[in-house]
């Protein structure tokens, strides 16, 4: 939902809350000499019921106004001249996995992709082989992932974060 619509909903909610409080103030004569202006059919039950309905509407508007936007959900939307194209986050994660698997010196990988207004943020956690120059490996990996995902999807990759979780040790347990 757009920001302007949310602001309007919250504003209306506060107006309804104000109206409900005003009715309650009139009903309990908290504002002197104002209860005289109520029509004869406006008994206490009617005024309290109206205030309750206004508070309920205000609550619904507040919930809708402050609810988090789901955005595209599990997909990244990309517009084209023919319409919208949705690419699932899982598909992008598999592209990242393919790129990492083609890189020498990496034993294991986990990946997570999130979408922001600025573009994709890709988090990759890897286990590297021993005696691998990590600055070269991680720089090359970041470059490959960014280029591959942007080329295939056409979506801007804002950031590629690589975390080296561990170094693989090839020590098999000795048998006695």
Protein backbone atom coordinates (compact mmCIF):
# COMPACT_ATOMS: atom_id res chain seq x y z
CA UNK A 1 0.00 0.00 0.00
CA UNK A 2 1.27 3.44 -0.82
CA UNK A 3 2.56 5.78 1.85
CA UNK A 4 0.00 8.49 1.14
CA UNK A 5 -2.87 6.03 1.61
CA UNK A 6 -1.37 4.90 4.91
CA UNK A 7 -1.03 8.48 6.15
CA UNK A 8 -4.64 9.22 5.20
CA UNK A 9 -5.84 6.09 7.02
CA UNK A 10 -3.97 7.00 10.19
CA UNK A 11 -5.27 10.59 9.98
CA UNK A 12 -8.86 9.34 9.58
CA UNK A 13 -8.36 6.95 12.47
CA UNK A 14 -7.34 9.83 14.73
CA UNK A 15 -10.35 11.83 13.53
CA UNK A 16 -12.66 8.93 14.43
CA UNK A 17 -10.98 8.59 17.82
CA UNK A 18 -11.48 12.31 18.37
CA UNK A 19 -15.14 12.03 17.38
CA UNK A 20 -15.67 9.10 19.72
CA UNK A 21 -14.02 10.96 22.60
CA UNK A 22 -16.14 14.03 21.83
CA UNK A 23 -19.33 11.93 21.97
CA UNK A 24 -18.24 10.39 25.25
CA UNK A 25 -17.49 13.83 26.67
CA UNK A 26 -20.95 15.06 25.64
CA UNK A 27 -22.63 11.94 27.02
CA UNK A 28 -21.01 12.23 30.44
CA UNK A 29 -21.38 16.03 30.46
CA UNK A 30 -17.62 16.60 30.65
CA UNK A 31 -18.02 19.67 28.50
CA UNK A 32 -20.57 21.85 30.30
CA UNK A 33 -23.63 23.17 28.45
CA UNK A 34 -22.96 21.05 25.34
CA UNK A 35 -25.31 18.15 26.11
CA UNK A 36 -28.27 20.45 25.54
CA UNK A 37 -27.63 20.32 21.79
CA UNK A 38 -28.20 16.55 21.56
CA UNK A 39 -31.50 15.65 19.88
CA UNK A 40 -34.13 13.90 21.95
CA UNK A 41 -33.65 10.53 20.27
CA UNK A 42 -29.93 10.51 21.17
CA UNK A 43 -30.25 8.52 24.35
CA UNK A 44 -27.19 7.37 26.27
CA UNK A 45 -27.17 3.97 24.53
CA UNK A 46 -27.19 5.55 21.07
CA UNK A 47 -24.33 7.91 21.90
CA UNK A 48 -22.26 5.13 23.51
CA UNK A 49 -22.98 2.79 20.59
CA UNK A 50 -21.95 5.44 18.08
CA UNK A 51 -18.75 6.12 20.02
CA UNK A 52 -18.02 2.39 20.08
CA UNK A 53 -18.54 2.08 16.33
CA UNK A 54 -16.26 5.06 15.72
CA UNK A 55 -13.57 3.50 17.93
CA UNK A 56 -13.90 0.19 16.06
CA UNK A 57 -13.53 1.91 12.70
CA UNK A 58 -10.53 3.83 14.05
CA UNK A 59 -8.92 0.60 15.23
CA UNK A 60 -9.36 -1.01 11.81
CA UNK A 61 -7.91 2.05 10.08
CA UNK A 62 -4.92 2.10 12.46
CA UNK A 63 -4.23 -1.59 11.85
CA UNK A 64 -4.39 -1.10 8.09
CA UNK A 65 -2.32 2.09 8.26
CA UNK A 66 0.49 0.64 10.35
CA UNK A 67 0.53 -2.86 8.84
CA UNK A 68 3.79 -3.72 7.14
CA UNK A 69 3.73 -3.87 3.43
CA UNK A 70 4.42 -7.33 2.11
CA UNK A 71 5.87 -5.98 -1.09
CA UNK A 72 6.41 -8.53 -3.79
CA UNK A 73 6.72 -11.33 -1.20
CA UNK A 74 8.87 -14.21 -2.35
CA UNK A 75 9.39 -12.69 -5.77
CA UNK A 76 11.11 -9.71 -7.28
CA UNK A 77 8.94 -7.81 -9.74
CA UNK A 78 10.41 -6.37 -12.88
CA UNK A 79 8.41 -4.41 -15.40
CA UNK A 80 8.79 -4.68 -19.12
CA UNK A 81 6.98 -3.15 -22.06
CA UNK A 82 4.67 -6.20 -22.16
CA UNK A 83 3.84 -6.35 -18.46
CA UNK A 84 5.27 -7.56 -15.18
CA UNK A 85 7.75 -10.37 -14.68
CA UNK A 86 8.20 -11.98 -11.26
CA UNK A 87 11.42 -13.79 -10.42
CA UNK A 88 11.30 -15.80 -7.22
CA UNK A 89 13.88 -15.28 -4.52
CA UNK A 90 14.54 -19.03 -4.63
CA UNK A 91 15.44 -18.77 -8.32
CA UNK A 92 17.91 -15.98 -7.60
CA UNK A 93 19.38 -17.98 -4.70
CA UNK A 94 19.91 -20.92 -7.06
CA UNK A 95 21.70 -18.62 -9.52
CA UNK A 96 23.99 -17.57 -6.68
CA UNK A 97 24.56 -21.23 -5.74
CA UNK A 98 25.47 -22.10 -9.33
CA UNK A 99 27.99 -19.27 -9.47
CA UNK A 100 29.56 -20.24 -6.15
CA UNK A 101 29.80 -23.90 -7.14
CA UNK A 102 31.73 -22.93 -10.28
CA UNK A 103 34.32 -21.07 -8.21
CA UNK A 104 37.43 -23.05 -7.28
CA UNK A 105 38.43 -23.24 -3.62
CA UNK A 106 34.97 -23.23 -2.06
CA UNK A 107 33.75 -26.36 -0.32
CA UNK A 108 30.33 -25.43 1.11
CA UNK A 109 27.91 -22.55 0.73
CA UNK A 110 24.72 -21.11 2.13
CA UNK A 111 23.02 -18.10 0.60
CA UNK A 112 20.23 -15.65 1.26
CA UNK A 113 18.79 -13.03 -1.07
CA UNK A 114 16.68 -10.07 -0.02
CA UNK A 115 15.15 -7.30 -2.08
CA UNK A 116 15.23 -3.59 -1.18
CA UNK A 117 14.35 -0.41 -3.04
CA UNK A 118 18.01 -0.06 -4.09
CA UNK A 119 18.24 -3.59 -5.50
CA UNK A 120 19.17 -7.06 -4.37
CA UNK A 121 21.27 -7.76 -1.31
CA UNK A 122 22.94 -11.15 -1.50
CA UNK A 123 24.46 -12.77 1.60
CA UNK A 124 26.76 -15.72 1.00
CA UNK A 125 28.40 -17.84 3.71
CA UNK A 126 31.17 -20.12 2.49
CA UNK A 127 33.65 -22.68 3.72
CA UNK A 128 36.94 -22.45 1.86
CA UNK A 129 39.66 -24.94 1.15
CA UNK A 130 42.93 -24.53 3.05
CA UNK A 131 45.72 -22.41 1.55
CA UNK A 132 43.36 -20.32 -0.58
CA UNK A 133 43.98 -16.58 -0.78
CA UNK A 134 40.75 -15.30 0.73
CA UNK A 135 40.91 -11.66 -0.48
CA UNK A 136 41.26 -12.80 -4.10
CA UNK A 137 38.63 -15.52 -3.72
CA UNK A 138 36.01 -13.33 -2.05
CA UNK A 139 36.56 -10.41 -4.43
CA UNK A 140 36.26 -12.69 -7.45
CA UNK A 141 33.17 -14.35 -5.97
CA UNK A 142 31.45 -11.03 -5.31
CA UNK A 143 32.19 -9.86 -8.84
CA UNK A 144 30.98 -13.10 -10.46
CA UNK A 145 27.76 -13.20 -8.44
CA UNK A 146 26.92 -9.57 -9.17
CA UNK A 147 27.62 -9.85 -12.90
CA UNK A 148 25.83 -13.18 -13.34
CA UNK A 149 22.65 -12.24 -11.46
CA UNK A 150 22.40 -8.82 -13.14
CA UNK A 151 23.00 -10.34 -16.58
CA UNK A 152 20.44 -13.13 -16.18
CA UNK A 153 17.68 -11.26 -14.31
CA UNK A 154 18.23 -7.65 -15.33
CA UNK A 155 17.78 -6.66 -11.67
CA UNK A 156 20.35 -4.43 -10.01
CA UNK A 157 22.47 -6.13 -7.36
CA UNK A 158 23.14 -3.50 -4.72
CA UNK A 159 25.45 -5.52 -2.51
CA UNK A 160 27.07 -8.94 -2.28
CA UNK A 161 28.20 -9.82 1.22
CA UNK A 162 30.54 -12.77 1.64
CA UNK A 163 31.31 -14.33 5.00
CA UNK A 164 33.97 -17.00 5.30
CA UNK A 165 32.56 -19.20 8.04
CA UNK A 166 35.34 -21.74 8.24
CA UNK A 167 38.27 -23.38 6.53
CA UNK A 168 37.85 -27.00 5.57
CA UNK A 169 40.28 -29.38 7.22
CA UNK A 170 40.81 -32.61 5.34
CA UNK A 171 41.81 -34.60 8.37
CA UNK A 172 40.13 -37.95 8.38
CA UNK A 173 39.97 -39.71 11.75
CA UNK A 174 42.83 -42.15 12.09
CA UNK A 175 42.05 -45.86 12.46
CA UNK A 176 43.86 -47.90 15.05
